[in-house]
N, C-alpha and C. Protein backbone atom coordinates (compact mmCIF):
# COMPACT_ATOMS: atom_id res chain seq x y z
N MET A 1 0.84 -1.19 0.00
CA MET A 1 0.00 0.00 0.00
C MET A 1 0.87 1.25 0.00
N LYS A 2 0.57 2.19 -0.88
CA LYS A 2 1.34 3.42 -0.94
C LYS A 2 0.89 4.43 0.10
N THR A 3 -0.42 4.71 0.15
CA THR A 3 -0.96 5.68 1.10
C THR A 3 -2.24 5.14 1.72
N ILE A 4 -2.35 5.29 3.04
CA ILE A 4 -3.59 4.97 3.75
C ILE A 4 -4.12 6.27 4.35
N CYS A 5 -5.36 6.59 4.02
CA CYS A 5 -6.00 7.80 4.53
C CYS A 5 -7.03 7.40 5.59
N LEU A 6 -6.87 7.95 6.77
CA LEU A 6 -7.83 7.71 7.85
C LEU A 6 -8.70 8.95 8.01
N VAL A 7 -10.00 8.78 7.96
CA VAL A 7 -10.92 9.90 8.10
C VAL A 7 -11.68 9.72 9.41
N SER A 8 -11.39 10.60 10.36
CA SER A 8 -11.99 10.53 11.68
C SER A 8 -13.20 11.46 11.78
N GLY A 9 -13.77 11.55 12.98
CA GLY A 9 -15.04 12.23 13.14
C GLY A 9 -14.99 13.67 13.59
N GLY A 10 -13.88 14.37 13.30
CA GLY A 10 -13.84 15.79 13.59
C GLY A 10 -14.85 16.54 12.74
N PRO A 11 -15.05 17.84 13.00
CA PRO A 11 -16.06 18.60 12.24
C PRO A 11 -15.87 18.44 10.73
N GLU A 12 -16.94 18.07 10.05
CA GLU A 12 -16.83 17.74 8.64
C GLU A 12 -16.45 18.95 7.79
N TYR A 13 -16.84 20.15 8.22
CA TYR A 13 -16.54 21.33 7.40
C TYR A 13 -15.04 21.64 7.35
N LEU A 14 -14.25 21.02 8.24
CA LEU A 14 -12.80 21.23 8.21
C LEU A 14 -12.08 20.29 7.25
N LEU A 15 -12.79 19.34 6.66
CA LEU A 15 -12.15 18.47 5.68
C LEU A 15 -11.81 19.26 4.42
N PRO A 16 -10.69 18.97 3.79
CA PRO A 16 -10.38 19.63 2.51
C PRO A 16 -11.45 19.32 1.48
N ASP A 17 -11.57 20.19 0.48
CA ASP A 17 -12.54 19.94 -0.58
C ASP A 17 -12.22 18.64 -1.32
N ARG A 18 -10.93 18.37 -1.45
CA ARG A 18 -10.51 17.16 -2.14
C ARG A 18 -9.61 16.34 -1.23
N LEU A 19 -9.95 15.07 -1.07
CA LEU A 19 -9.11 14.17 -0.30
C LEU A 19 -8.12 13.50 -1.24
N GLU A 20 -6.98 13.10 -0.69
CA GLU A 20 -5.98 12.38 -1.47
C GLU A 20 -6.60 11.11 -2.05
N LEU A 21 -6.52 10.96 -3.38
CA LEU A 21 -7.18 9.82 -4.02
C LEU A 21 -6.22 8.90 -4.76
N ASP A 22 -5.13 9.42 -5.27
CA ASP A 22 -4.23 8.63 -6.10
C ASP A 22 -3.53 7.54 -5.27
N ASP A 23 -3.78 6.29 -5.67
CA ASP A 23 -3.13 5.14 -5.01
C ASP A 23 -3.38 5.12 -3.51
N ALA A 24 -4.55 5.60 -3.07
CA ALA A 24 -4.84 5.67 -1.64
C ALA A 24 -5.93 4.68 -1.25
N PHE A 25 -5.80 4.15 -0.04
CA PHE A 25 -6.83 3.31 0.56
C PHE A 25 -7.43 4.10 1.72
N PHE A 26 -8.75 4.07 1.86
CA PHE A 26 -9.42 4.87 2.87
C PHE A 26 -9.97 4.00 4.00
N ILE A 27 -9.81 4.54 5.21
CA ILE A 27 -10.33 3.91 6.42
C ILE A 27 -11.24 4.92 7.12
N GLY A 28 -12.44 4.53 7.48
CA GLY A 28 -13.33 5.40 8.24
C GLY A 28 -13.19 5.13 9.72
N VAL A 29 -13.11 6.19 10.51
CA VAL A 29 -13.01 6.05 11.96
C VAL A 29 -14.24 6.70 12.58
N ASP A 30 -15.09 5.86 13.18
CA ASP A 30 -16.34 6.29 13.78
C ASP A 30 -17.14 7.09 12.75
N GLU A 31 -17.56 8.31 13.07
CA GLU A 31 -18.42 9.07 12.16
C GLU A 31 -17.73 9.38 10.83
N GLY A 32 -16.42 9.30 10.80
CA GLY A 32 -15.69 9.55 9.57
C GLY A 32 -16.09 8.64 8.43
N VAL A 33 -16.58 7.46 8.74
CA VAL A 33 -17.00 6.55 7.67
C VAL A 33 -18.19 7.13 6.92
N LEU A 34 -19.05 7.88 7.62
CA LEU A 34 -20.18 8.53 6.95
C LEU A 34 -19.71 9.69 6.09
N TYR A 35 -18.69 10.42 6.55
CA TYR A 35 -18.13 11.50 5.74
C TYR A 35 -17.64 10.96 4.39
N LEU A 36 -16.99 9.79 4.44
CA LEU A 36 -16.49 9.19 3.21
C LEU A 36 -17.63 8.79 2.28
N GLN A 37 -18.65 8.19 2.83
CA GLN A 37 -19.76 7.75 2.00
C GLN A 37 -20.49 8.92 1.37
N ARG A 38 -20.55 10.05 2.07
CA ARG A 38 -21.19 11.23 1.49
C ARG A 38 -20.39 11.78 0.33
N ARG A 39 -19.11 11.42 0.25
CA ARG A 39 -18.26 11.81 -0.89
C ARG A 39 -18.11 10.68 -1.90
N ASP A 40 -18.94 9.67 -1.76
CA ASP A 40 -18.92 8.52 -2.67
C ASP A 40 -17.58 7.80 -2.65
N ILE A 41 -16.97 7.74 -1.47
CA ILE A 41 -15.73 6.99 -1.29
C ILE A 41 -16.03 5.83 -0.34
N GLU A 42 -15.83 4.63 -0.82
CA GLU A 42 -16.10 3.46 0.02
C GLU A 42 -14.80 3.03 0.71
N PRO A 43 -14.77 3.10 2.03
CA PRO A 43 -13.56 2.68 2.76
C PRO A 43 -13.39 1.16 2.72
N ILE A 44 -12.13 0.74 2.86
CA ILE A 44 -11.88 -0.70 2.89
C ILE A 44 -12.08 -1.24 4.30
N ALA A 45 -12.13 -0.33 5.29
CA ALA A 45 -12.34 -0.77 6.67
C ALA A 45 -12.90 0.40 7.47
N ALA A 46 -13.53 0.06 8.60
CA ALA A 46 -14.06 1.08 9.51
C ALA A 46 -13.73 0.66 10.93
N PHE A 47 -13.34 1.65 11.74
CA PHE A 47 -12.96 1.41 13.13
C PHE A 47 -13.81 2.27 14.05
N GLY A 48 -14.13 1.72 15.24
CA GLY A 48 -14.74 2.58 16.24
C GLY A 48 -15.72 1.88 17.14
N ASP A 49 -16.14 2.64 18.16
CA ASP A 49 -17.25 2.17 18.99
C ASP A 49 -18.57 2.63 18.38
N PHE A 50 -18.49 3.53 17.40
CA PHE A 50 -19.64 4.01 16.63
C PHE A 50 -20.74 4.58 17.51
N ASP A 51 -20.30 5.28 18.57
CA ASP A 51 -21.27 5.94 19.44
C ASP A 51 -21.76 7.26 18.86
N SER A 52 -21.14 7.68 17.74
CA SER A 52 -21.52 8.95 17.11
C SER A 52 -22.50 8.77 15.95
N ILE A 53 -22.83 7.52 15.64
CA ILE A 53 -23.77 7.28 14.55
C ILE A 53 -24.90 6.38 15.05
N SER A 54 -26.00 6.37 14.32
CA SER A 54 -27.18 5.64 14.75
C SER A 54 -27.02 4.14 14.54
N SER A 55 -27.88 3.38 15.22
CA SER A 55 -27.84 1.92 15.07
C SER A 55 -28.20 1.51 13.65
N GLU A 56 -29.07 2.29 13.01
CA GLU A 56 -29.44 1.99 11.61
C GLU A 56 -28.23 2.17 10.70
N GLU A 57 -27.45 3.22 10.95
CA GLU A 57 -26.25 3.45 10.13
C GLU A 57 -25.22 2.35 10.36
N VAL A 58 -25.09 1.90 11.61
CA VAL A 58 -24.17 0.80 11.89
C VAL A 58 -24.61 -0.46 11.15
N ALA A 59 -25.93 -0.72 11.14
CA ALA A 59 -26.44 -1.90 10.45
C ALA A 59 -26.14 -1.83 8.96
N ARG A 60 -26.25 -0.64 8.36
CA ARG A 60 -25.93 -0.50 6.94
C ARG A 60 -24.45 -0.74 6.68
N LEU A 61 -23.59 -0.31 7.63
CA LEU A 61 -22.16 -0.57 7.48
C LEU A 61 -21.88 -2.07 7.49
N GLN A 62 -22.60 -2.79 8.35
CA GLN A 62 -22.38 -4.22 8.47
C GLN A 62 -22.76 -4.95 7.19
N GLU A 63 -23.62 -4.34 6.38
CA GLU A 63 -24.03 -4.94 5.12
C GLU A 63 -23.00 -4.72 4.02
N LYS A 64 -22.09 -3.74 4.24
CA LYS A 64 -21.10 -3.42 3.23
C LYS A 64 -19.98 -4.47 3.23
N ARG A 65 -19.29 -4.56 2.10
CA ARG A 65 -18.16 -5.47 2.00
C ARG A 65 -16.89 -4.76 2.45
N MET A 66 -16.80 -4.52 3.73
CA MET A 66 -15.61 -3.89 4.29
C MET A 66 -15.31 -4.55 5.63
N ASN A 67 -14.07 -4.43 6.06
CA ASN A 67 -13.71 -4.93 7.38
C ASN A 67 -14.21 -3.94 8.42
N LEU A 68 -15.05 -4.41 9.32
CA LEU A 68 -15.64 -3.55 10.35
C LEU A 68 -15.07 -3.97 11.70
N TYR A 69 -14.30 -3.06 12.31
CA TYR A 69 -13.68 -3.32 13.60
C TYR A 69 -14.43 -2.53 14.66
N THR A 70 -15.20 -3.23 15.45
CA THR A 70 -16.04 -2.60 16.46
C THR A 70 -15.45 -2.80 17.85
N PHE A 71 -15.42 -1.73 18.64
CA PHE A 71 -14.82 -1.78 19.97
C PHE A 71 -15.81 -1.24 21.01
N GLU A 72 -15.59 -1.66 22.24
CA GLU A 72 -16.39 -1.12 23.33
C GLU A 72 -16.05 0.36 23.55
N ARG A 73 -16.99 1.09 24.07
CA ARG A 73 -16.75 2.51 24.32
C ARG A 73 -15.66 2.71 25.36
N GLU A 74 -15.62 1.85 26.36
CA GLU A 74 -14.60 1.94 27.41
C GLU A 74 -13.40 1.09 27.02
N LYS A 75 -12.28 1.77 26.68
CA LYS A 75 -11.08 1.08 26.23
C LYS A 75 -9.88 1.96 26.53
N ASP A 76 -8.68 1.40 26.32
CA ASP A 76 -7.45 2.11 26.68
C ASP A 76 -6.88 2.95 25.55
N MET A 77 -7.42 2.87 24.35
CA MET A 77 -6.98 3.67 23.22
C MET A 77 -8.18 4.29 22.54
N THR A 78 -7.97 5.44 21.92
CA THR A 78 -9.05 6.03 21.13
C THR A 78 -9.24 5.24 19.85
N ASP A 79 -10.38 5.45 19.21
CA ASP A 79 -10.64 4.79 17.94
C ASP A 79 -9.56 5.13 16.92
N LEU A 80 -9.14 6.41 16.90
CA LEU A 80 -8.14 6.82 15.91
C LEU A 80 -6.79 6.15 16.16
N GLU A 81 -6.38 6.04 17.42
CA GLU A 81 -5.10 5.38 17.69
C GLU A 81 -5.16 3.92 17.25
N LEU A 82 -6.27 3.25 17.52
CA LEU A 82 -6.40 1.86 17.09
C LEU A 82 -6.29 1.76 15.56
N ALA A 83 -6.91 2.70 14.86
CA ALA A 83 -6.86 2.68 13.40
C ALA A 83 -5.46 2.97 12.88
N ILE A 84 -4.76 3.93 13.51
CA ILE A 84 -3.39 4.24 13.08
C ILE A 84 -2.49 3.05 13.28
N ARG A 85 -2.60 2.39 14.42
CA ARG A 85 -1.74 1.22 14.69
C ARG A 85 -2.03 0.10 13.68
N TRP A 86 -3.28 -0.06 13.31
CA TRP A 86 -3.63 -1.05 12.27
C TRP A 86 -2.99 -0.65 10.95
N ALA A 87 -3.08 0.64 10.59
CA ALA A 87 -2.51 1.11 9.33
C ALA A 87 -1.00 0.94 9.31
N ILE A 88 -0.34 1.20 10.43
CA ILE A 88 1.11 1.06 10.51
C ILE A 88 1.52 -0.39 10.24
N GLU A 89 0.73 -1.34 10.71
CA GLU A 89 1.04 -2.75 10.48
C GLU A 89 1.05 -3.11 8.99
N LYS A 90 0.34 -2.31 8.17
CA LYS A 90 0.30 -2.56 6.73
C LYS A 90 1.54 -2.01 6.03
N ARG A 91 2.36 -1.24 6.75
CA ARG A 91 3.61 -0.67 6.25
C ARG A 91 3.43 0.14 4.97
N PRO A 92 2.52 1.11 4.96
CA PRO A 92 2.40 1.98 3.79
C PRO A 92 3.56 2.97 3.76
N GLU A 93 3.70 3.66 2.63
CA GLU A 93 4.71 4.71 2.55
C GLU A 93 4.27 5.94 3.36
N LYS A 94 2.95 6.14 3.46
CA LYS A 94 2.44 7.36 4.08
C LYS A 94 1.06 7.11 4.67
N ILE A 95 0.77 7.79 5.80
CA ILE A 95 -0.55 7.76 6.41
C ILE A 95 -1.02 9.20 6.55
N ILE A 96 -2.23 9.49 6.07
CA ILE A 96 -2.80 10.83 6.19
C ILE A 96 -4.01 10.77 7.12
N LEU A 97 -4.05 11.68 8.07
CA LEU A 97 -5.16 11.74 9.02
C LEU A 97 -6.04 12.93 8.68
N TYR A 98 -7.27 12.67 8.28
CA TYR A 98 -8.28 13.70 8.08
C TYR A 98 -9.29 13.65 9.23
N GLY A 99 -9.96 14.75 9.48
CA GLY A 99 -10.98 14.76 10.53
C GLY A 99 -10.39 14.62 11.92
N ALA A 100 -9.11 14.98 12.08
CA ALA A 100 -8.43 14.82 13.37
C ALA A 100 -8.36 16.12 14.16
N THR A 101 -8.78 17.23 13.55
CA THR A 101 -8.70 18.54 14.21
C THR A 101 -10.10 19.13 14.39
N GLY A 102 -10.16 20.20 15.20
CA GLY A 102 -11.44 20.83 15.46
C GLY A 102 -12.23 20.07 16.51
N GLY A 103 -13.38 20.59 16.87
CA GLY A 103 -14.19 19.91 17.88
C GLY A 103 -13.56 20.01 19.25
N ARG A 104 -13.57 18.91 19.99
CA ARG A 104 -13.04 18.91 21.35
C ARG A 104 -11.54 19.10 21.35
N LEU A 105 -11.07 20.03 22.18
CA LEU A 105 -9.65 20.37 22.19
C LEU A 105 -8.80 19.20 22.68
N ASP A 106 -9.29 18.44 23.67
CA ASP A 106 -8.50 17.31 24.16
C ASP A 106 -8.28 16.29 23.06
N HIS A 107 -9.30 16.05 22.24
CA HIS A 107 -9.14 15.12 21.13
C HIS A 107 -8.17 15.66 20.09
N GLU A 108 -8.27 16.94 19.78
CA GLU A 108 -7.40 17.53 18.78
C GLU A 108 -5.93 17.46 19.21
N ILE A 109 -5.65 17.79 20.47
CA ILE A 109 -4.27 17.78 20.96
C ILE A 109 -3.68 16.37 20.91
N ILE A 110 -4.43 15.39 21.40
CA ILE A 110 -3.88 14.03 21.41
C ILE A 110 -3.77 13.47 20.00
N ASN A 111 -4.68 13.85 19.11
CA ASN A 111 -4.58 13.39 17.72
C ASN A 111 -3.30 13.88 17.07
N ILE A 112 -2.92 15.12 17.33
CA ILE A 112 -1.67 15.65 16.78
C ILE A 112 -0.48 14.93 17.41
N GLN A 113 -0.56 14.64 18.70
CA GLN A 113 0.53 13.92 19.35
C GLN A 113 0.70 12.51 18.78
N LEU A 114 -0.37 11.95 18.22
CA LEU A 114 -0.27 10.61 17.63
C LEU A 114 0.67 10.56 16.44
N LEU A 115 1.04 11.72 15.90
CA LEU A 115 2.03 11.74 14.82
C LEU A 115 3.35 11.10 15.26
N LYS A 116 3.60 11.10 16.55
CA LYS A 116 4.85 10.50 17.06
C LYS A 116 4.92 9.01 16.75
N LEU A 117 3.79 8.36 16.58
CA LEU A 117 3.81 6.94 16.21
C LEU A 117 4.51 6.74 14.88
N GLY A 118 4.36 7.70 13.97
CA GLY A 118 5.01 7.59 12.68
C GLY A 118 6.53 7.66 12.80
N ILE A 119 7.01 8.55 13.69
CA ILE A 119 8.46 8.64 13.91
C ILE A 119 8.99 7.33 14.47
N GLU A 120 8.27 6.78 15.42
CA GLU A 120 8.72 5.53 16.05
C GLU A 120 8.78 4.39 15.06
N GLN A 121 7.85 4.38 14.09
CA GLN A 121 7.79 3.27 13.12
C GLN A 121 8.40 3.62 11.76
N LYS A 122 9.00 4.83 11.67
CA LYS A 122 9.64 5.27 10.43
C LYS A 122 8.68 5.26 9.24
N ILE A 123 7.47 5.75 9.49
CA ILE A 123 6.45 5.92 8.45
C ILE A 123 5.98 7.37 8.52
N GLU A 124 5.91 8.03 7.38
CA GLU A 124 5.45 9.42 7.39
C GLU A 124 3.94 9.48 7.68
N VAL A 125 3.60 10.22 8.71
CA VAL A 125 2.20 10.42 9.08
C VAL A 125 1.95 11.93 9.13
N GLU A 126 0.85 12.38 8.56
CA GLU A 126 0.54 13.80 8.60
C GLU A 126 -0.94 14.02 8.89
N VAL A 127 -1.22 15.13 9.56
CA VAL A 127 -2.59 15.58 9.81
C VAL A 127 -2.91 16.65 8.77
N VAL A 128 -4.03 16.50 8.09
CA VAL A 128 -4.42 17.46 7.06
C VAL A 128 -5.86 17.91 7.31
N ASP A 129 -6.08 19.22 7.30
CA ASP A 129 -7.44 19.74 7.30
C ASP A 129 -7.52 20.88 6.28
N ARG A 130 -8.60 21.60 6.28
CA ARG A 130 -8.80 22.65 5.27
C ARG A 130 -7.72 23.73 5.33
N ASP A 131 -7.17 23.98 6.51
CA ASP A 131 -6.26 25.11 6.69
C ASP A 131 -4.83 24.73 7.05
N ASN A 132 -4.55 23.46 7.31
CA ASN A 132 -3.25 23.08 7.85
C ASN A 132 -2.77 21.73 7.34
N ILE A 133 -1.44 21.59 7.27
CA ILE A 133 -0.78 20.30 7.08
C ILE A 133 0.25 20.20 8.19
N ILE A 134 0.18 19.13 8.99
CA ILE A 134 1.04 19.00 10.15
C ILE A 134 1.83 17.70 10.05
N VAL A 135 3.15 17.80 10.19
CA VAL A 135 3.99 16.62 10.21
C VAL A 135 4.94 16.72 11.41
N MET A 136 5.49 15.60 11.81
CA MET A 136 6.45 15.56 12.91
C MET A 136 7.74 14.93 12.40
N ARG A 137 8.86 15.52 12.78
CA ARG A 137 10.14 15.07 12.25
C ARG A 137 11.14 14.74 13.36
N SER A 138 11.99 13.76 13.07
CA SER A 138 13.15 13.46 13.89
C SER A 138 14.35 14.17 13.28
N PRO A 139 15.49 14.23 13.97
CA PRO A 139 16.64 14.98 13.47
C PRO A 139 17.06 14.56 12.06
N GLY A 140 17.48 15.56 11.28
CA GLY A 140 17.89 15.30 9.91
C GLY A 140 17.75 16.55 9.07
N SER A 141 17.92 16.40 7.76
CA SER A 141 17.80 17.50 6.82
C SER A 141 16.67 17.18 5.84
N TYR A 142 15.81 18.16 5.58
CA TYR A 142 14.63 17.93 4.76
C TYR A 142 14.47 19.04 3.72
N THR A 143 14.00 18.65 2.56
CA THR A 143 13.68 19.61 1.50
C THR A 143 12.19 19.93 1.56
N ILE A 144 11.86 21.20 1.37
CA ILE A 144 10.47 21.63 1.41
C ILE A 144 10.18 22.47 0.18
N GLU A 145 9.07 22.19 -0.48
CA GLU A 145 8.67 22.93 -1.66
C GLU A 145 7.57 23.93 -1.31
N ALA A 146 7.59 25.07 -1.97
CA ALA A 146 6.57 26.08 -1.74
C ALA A 146 5.22 25.58 -2.23
N ILE A 147 4.17 25.80 -1.42
CA ILE A 147 2.80 25.49 -1.80
C ILE A 147 2.01 26.78 -1.68
N HIS A 148 1.51 27.28 -2.80
CA HIS A 148 0.83 28.57 -2.80
C HIS A 148 -0.36 28.60 -1.83
N GLU A 149 -1.06 27.47 -1.75
CA GLU A 149 -2.27 27.43 -0.92
C GLU A 149 -1.94 27.50 0.57
N PHE A 150 -0.74 27.06 0.95
CA PHE A 150 -0.33 27.07 2.36
C PHE A 150 0.98 27.86 2.49
N PRO A 151 0.89 29.18 2.54
CA PRO A 151 2.11 30.01 2.48
C PRO A 151 2.94 30.04 3.76
N TYR A 152 2.31 29.80 4.91
CA TYR A 152 3.02 29.94 6.17
C TYR A 152 3.60 28.60 6.62
N VAL A 153 4.81 28.66 7.14
CA VAL A 153 5.49 27.46 7.64
C VAL A 153 5.99 27.74 9.04
N SER A 154 5.57 26.95 10.00
CA SER A 154 6.00 27.12 11.40
C SER A 154 6.68 25.85 11.88
N PHE A 155 7.65 26.04 12.75
CA PHE A 155 8.37 24.91 13.36
C PHE A 155 8.20 25.01 14.87
N ILE A 156 7.61 23.99 15.46
CA ILE A 156 7.29 24.00 16.89
C ILE A 156 7.98 22.81 17.56
N PRO A 157 8.73 23.06 18.62
CA PRO A 157 9.40 21.93 19.29
C PRO A 157 8.39 21.00 19.96
N PHE A 158 8.52 19.72 19.68
CA PHE A 158 7.69 18.73 20.36
C PHE A 158 8.41 18.16 21.56
N SER A 159 9.73 18.18 21.52
CA SER A 159 10.55 17.80 22.66
C SER A 159 10.92 19.07 23.43
N PRO A 160 11.36 18.96 24.69
CA PRO A 160 11.68 20.16 25.47
C PRO A 160 12.67 21.09 24.78
N LEU A 161 13.59 20.51 23.98
CA LEU A 161 14.62 21.31 23.33
C LEU A 161 14.90 20.72 21.95
N VAL A 162 15.05 21.62 20.96
CA VAL A 162 15.46 21.22 19.62
C VAL A 162 16.69 22.05 19.27
N SER A 163 17.79 21.40 18.92
CA SER A 163 19.05 22.12 18.69
C SER A 163 19.47 22.05 17.23
N GLY A 164 20.31 23.01 16.83
CA GLY A 164 20.89 23.01 15.50
C GLY A 164 19.91 23.33 14.39
N VAL A 165 18.89 24.11 14.69
CA VAL A 165 17.86 24.40 13.69
C VAL A 165 18.43 25.36 12.63
N THR A 166 18.38 24.92 11.38
CA THR A 166 18.87 25.72 10.26
C THR A 166 17.80 25.78 9.18
N LEU A 167 17.47 26.98 8.75
CA LEU A 167 16.45 27.20 7.73
C LEU A 167 17.09 27.94 6.55
N VAL A 168 16.96 27.37 5.36
CA VAL A 168 17.53 27.96 4.15
C VAL A 168 16.42 28.14 3.12
N GLY A 169 16.35 29.32 2.51
CA GLY A 169 15.32 29.60 1.52
C GLY A 169 14.07 30.21 2.12
N PHE A 170 14.16 30.61 3.38
CA PHE A 170 13.02 31.19 4.09
C PHE A 170 13.18 32.70 4.23
N ARG A 171 12.05 33.38 4.41
CA ARG A 171 12.08 34.82 4.65
C ARG A 171 12.90 35.15 5.89
N TYR A 172 12.78 34.30 6.90
CA TYR A 172 13.55 34.49 8.13
C TYR A 172 14.45 33.27 8.31
N PRO A 173 15.66 33.30 7.75
CA PRO A 173 16.56 32.15 7.84
C PRO A 173 17.13 32.00 9.25
N LEU A 174 17.59 30.81 9.52
CA LEU A 174 18.24 30.53 10.80
C LEU A 174 19.47 29.67 10.53
N GLU A 175 20.41 29.75 11.44
CA GLU A 175 21.59 28.88 11.35
C GLU A 175 21.97 28.40 12.74
N ASP A 176 21.90 27.09 12.92
CA ASP A 176 22.32 26.45 14.17
C ASP A 176 21.65 27.07 15.39
N ALA A 177 20.34 27.30 15.30
CA ALA A 177 19.59 27.91 16.40
C ALA A 177 19.05 26.83 17.35
N MET A 178 18.63 27.27 18.51
CA MET A 178 18.06 26.37 19.51
C MET A 178 16.66 26.90 19.87
N ILE A 179 15.68 26.02 19.85
CA ILE A 179 14.33 26.41 20.27
C ILE A 179 13.85 25.43 21.33
N GLU A 180 13.05 25.94 22.23
CA GLU A 180 12.54 25.12 23.32
C GLU A 180 11.05 25.36 23.49
N TRP A 181 10.42 24.53 24.32
CA TRP A 181 9.00 24.68 24.58
C TRP A 181 8.67 26.14 24.92
N GLY A 182 7.65 26.67 24.30
CA GLY A 182 7.21 28.02 24.58
C GLY A 182 7.85 29.08 23.70
N SER A 183 8.81 28.69 22.86
CA SER A 183 9.47 29.65 21.98
C SER A 183 8.60 29.90 20.75
N THR A 184 8.48 31.18 20.38
CA THR A 184 7.73 31.53 19.16
C THR A 184 8.67 31.96 18.03
N LEU A 185 9.93 31.66 18.16
CA LEU A 185 10.93 32.08 17.17
C LEU A 185 10.59 31.60 15.76
N CYS A 186 10.06 30.40 15.64
CA CYS A 186 9.88 29.80 14.31
C CYS A 186 8.42 29.75 13.87
N ILE A 187 7.63 30.70 14.33
CA ILE A 187 6.23 30.77 13.94
C ILE A 187 6.06 31.69 12.74
N SER A 188 5.19 31.28 11.80
CA SER A 188 4.77 32.09 10.64
C SER A 188 5.92 32.53 9.76
N ASN A 189 6.78 31.59 9.39
CA ASN A 189 7.80 31.87 8.41
C ASN A 189 7.22 31.64 7.01
N GLU A 190 7.97 31.99 5.98
CA GLU A 190 7.52 31.78 4.61
C GLU A 190 8.72 31.46 3.72
N LEU A 191 8.49 30.60 2.74
CA LEU A 191 9.53 30.32 1.75
C LEU A 191 9.62 31.48 0.77
N VAL A 192 10.84 31.84 0.39
CA VAL A 192 11.04 32.89 -0.61
C VAL A 192 11.64 32.30 -1.88
N THR A 193 11.84 31.00 -1.92
CA THR A 193 12.30 30.28 -3.10
C THR A 193 11.34 29.12 -3.36
N LYS A 194 11.42 28.52 -4.54
CA LYS A 194 10.53 27.40 -4.85
C LYS A 194 10.79 26.21 -3.94
N LYS A 195 12.05 26.06 -3.54
CA LYS A 195 12.42 24.98 -2.62
C LYS A 195 13.32 25.55 -1.54
N GLY A 196 13.18 25.01 -0.35
CA GLY A 196 14.06 25.37 0.74
C GLY A 196 14.46 24.13 1.50
N THR A 197 15.26 24.29 2.53
CA THR A 197 15.63 23.17 3.38
C THR A 197 15.51 23.57 4.84
N TYR A 198 15.21 22.59 5.67
CA TYR A 198 15.28 22.79 7.11
C TYR A 198 15.96 21.57 7.70
N SER A 199 16.73 21.81 8.74
CA SER A 199 17.46 20.72 9.37
C SER A 199 17.63 21.02 10.85
N PHE A 200 17.85 19.98 11.64
CA PHE A 200 18.14 20.15 13.06
C PHE A 200 18.88 18.91 13.55
N ASP A 201 19.57 19.07 14.67
CA ASP A 201 20.49 18.03 15.15
C ASP A 201 19.90 17.12 16.22
N SER A 202 19.02 17.65 17.05
CA SER A 202 18.48 16.82 18.12
C SER A 202 17.07 17.29 18.47
N GLY A 203 16.30 16.36 19.07
CA GLY A 203 14.93 16.67 19.47
C GLY A 203 13.92 16.21 18.44
N ILE A 204 12.69 16.61 18.64
CA ILE A 204 11.59 16.31 17.71
C ILE A 204 10.88 17.63 17.41
N ILE A 205 10.56 17.83 16.16
CA ILE A 205 9.96 19.09 15.75
C ILE A 205 8.68 18.83 14.97
N MET A 206 7.69 19.71 15.15
CA MET A 206 6.49 19.69 14.33
C MET A 206 6.58 20.80 13.31
N MET A 207 6.33 20.47 12.06
CA MET A 207 6.24 21.48 11.02
C MET A 207 4.78 21.64 10.64
N ILE A 208 4.30 22.87 10.66
CA ILE A 208 2.91 23.16 10.33
C ILE A 208 2.87 24.11 9.14
N ARG A 209 2.29 23.66 8.05
CA ARG A 209 2.04 24.52 6.89
C ARG A 209 0.60 24.98 6.99
N SER A 210 0.36 26.29 6.87
CA SER A 210 -0.98 26.79 7.14
C SER A 210 -1.32 27.98 6.26
N LYS A 211 -2.57 28.34 6.31
CA LYS A 211 -3.06 29.52 5.61
C LYS A 211 -4.08 30.21 6.51
N ASP A 212 -4.40 31.44 6.19
CA ASP A 212 -5.43 32.15 6.93
C ASP A 212 -6.78 31.57 6.59
N ARG A 213 -7.66 31.47 7.59
CA ARG A 213 -8.99 30.92 7.38
C ARG A 213 -9.78 31.79 6.41
N ASP A 214 -10.42 31.13 5.45
CA ASP A 214 -11.29 31.83 4.51
C ASP A 214 -12.51 32.34 5.27
N GLN A 215 -12.65 33.65 5.35
CA GLN A 215 -13.75 34.23 6.12
C GLN A 215 -15.11 33.93 5.50
N LYS A 216 -15.10 33.52 4.23
CA LYS A 216 -16.37 33.18 3.58
C LYS A 216 -16.81 31.77 3.90
N LEU A 217 -15.91 31.00 4.53
CA LEU A 217 -16.22 29.62 4.85
C LEU A 217 -17.38 29.56 5.83
N GLN A 218 -18.43 28.85 5.47
CA GLN A 218 -19.60 28.72 6.33
C GLN A 218 -19.30 27.73 7.45
N THR A 219 -19.39 28.15 8.68
CA THR A 219 -19.13 27.29 9.82
C THR A 219 -20.38 27.18 10.66
N PRO A 220 -20.48 26.13 11.50
CA PRO A 220 -21.67 25.97 12.35
C PRO A 220 -21.92 27.22 13.19
N GLY A 221 -23.19 27.62 13.20
CA GLY A 221 -23.56 28.76 14.04
C GLY A 221 -23.50 30.10 13.32
N THR A 222 -23.02 30.12 12.06
CA THR A 222 -22.97 31.37 11.32
C THR A 222 -24.23 31.52 10.47
N ILE A 223 -24.52 32.73 10.07
CA ILE A 223 -25.72 33.01 9.30
C ILE A 223 -25.33 33.64 7.98
N SER A 224 -25.81 33.09 6.90
CA SER A 224 -25.53 33.66 5.59
C SER A 224 -26.39 34.89 5.37
N LYS A 225 -25.79 35.94 4.78
CA LYS A 225 -26.54 37.17 4.50
C LYS A 225 -26.55 37.47 3.00
């Protein structure tokens, strides 16, 4: 498998207009399986306690030709973690998490922290929503290409300290810098070349590519005029 896309039950309006489709296999996590079906994408598997969908919807899922992994509501892992660990066992080149942001803050924070599983298993895992692409990196040197839709690039330490941070091709370059928890030094940078590089010597870093929220985007609780 080249890419496995997991679609979880975060607010549906935060999903990108287009999900990764080329050579991708889709997994629905709890209510995320309904999001996929509304886009005419049939997942190869579904995970969850399915407490967010009706019993009728669960029954329809059971009629589908997909692997349905049902768990009790009381368990030691979230539905998304169970699905990620299953996906990792398939050894894909990449895992993309959709529907992992927004909604409850505790869920959003832990979902982002789950990116660390990719580092441990040497599989690229990223969180993607309408406004952000989030990846987690171990020490090394990486090439980054400019994406017009996501102009801002931020680097946030996931470990207490990240050393040797060097940024080349950015509006605000760095050389052999040190950042620690609570530092805003590497927030809202931008590439000034088509390609740049970032590298660091120790620690774990999160890279977030983002854009400003489209104010025209209709969100729950807003009124169209």
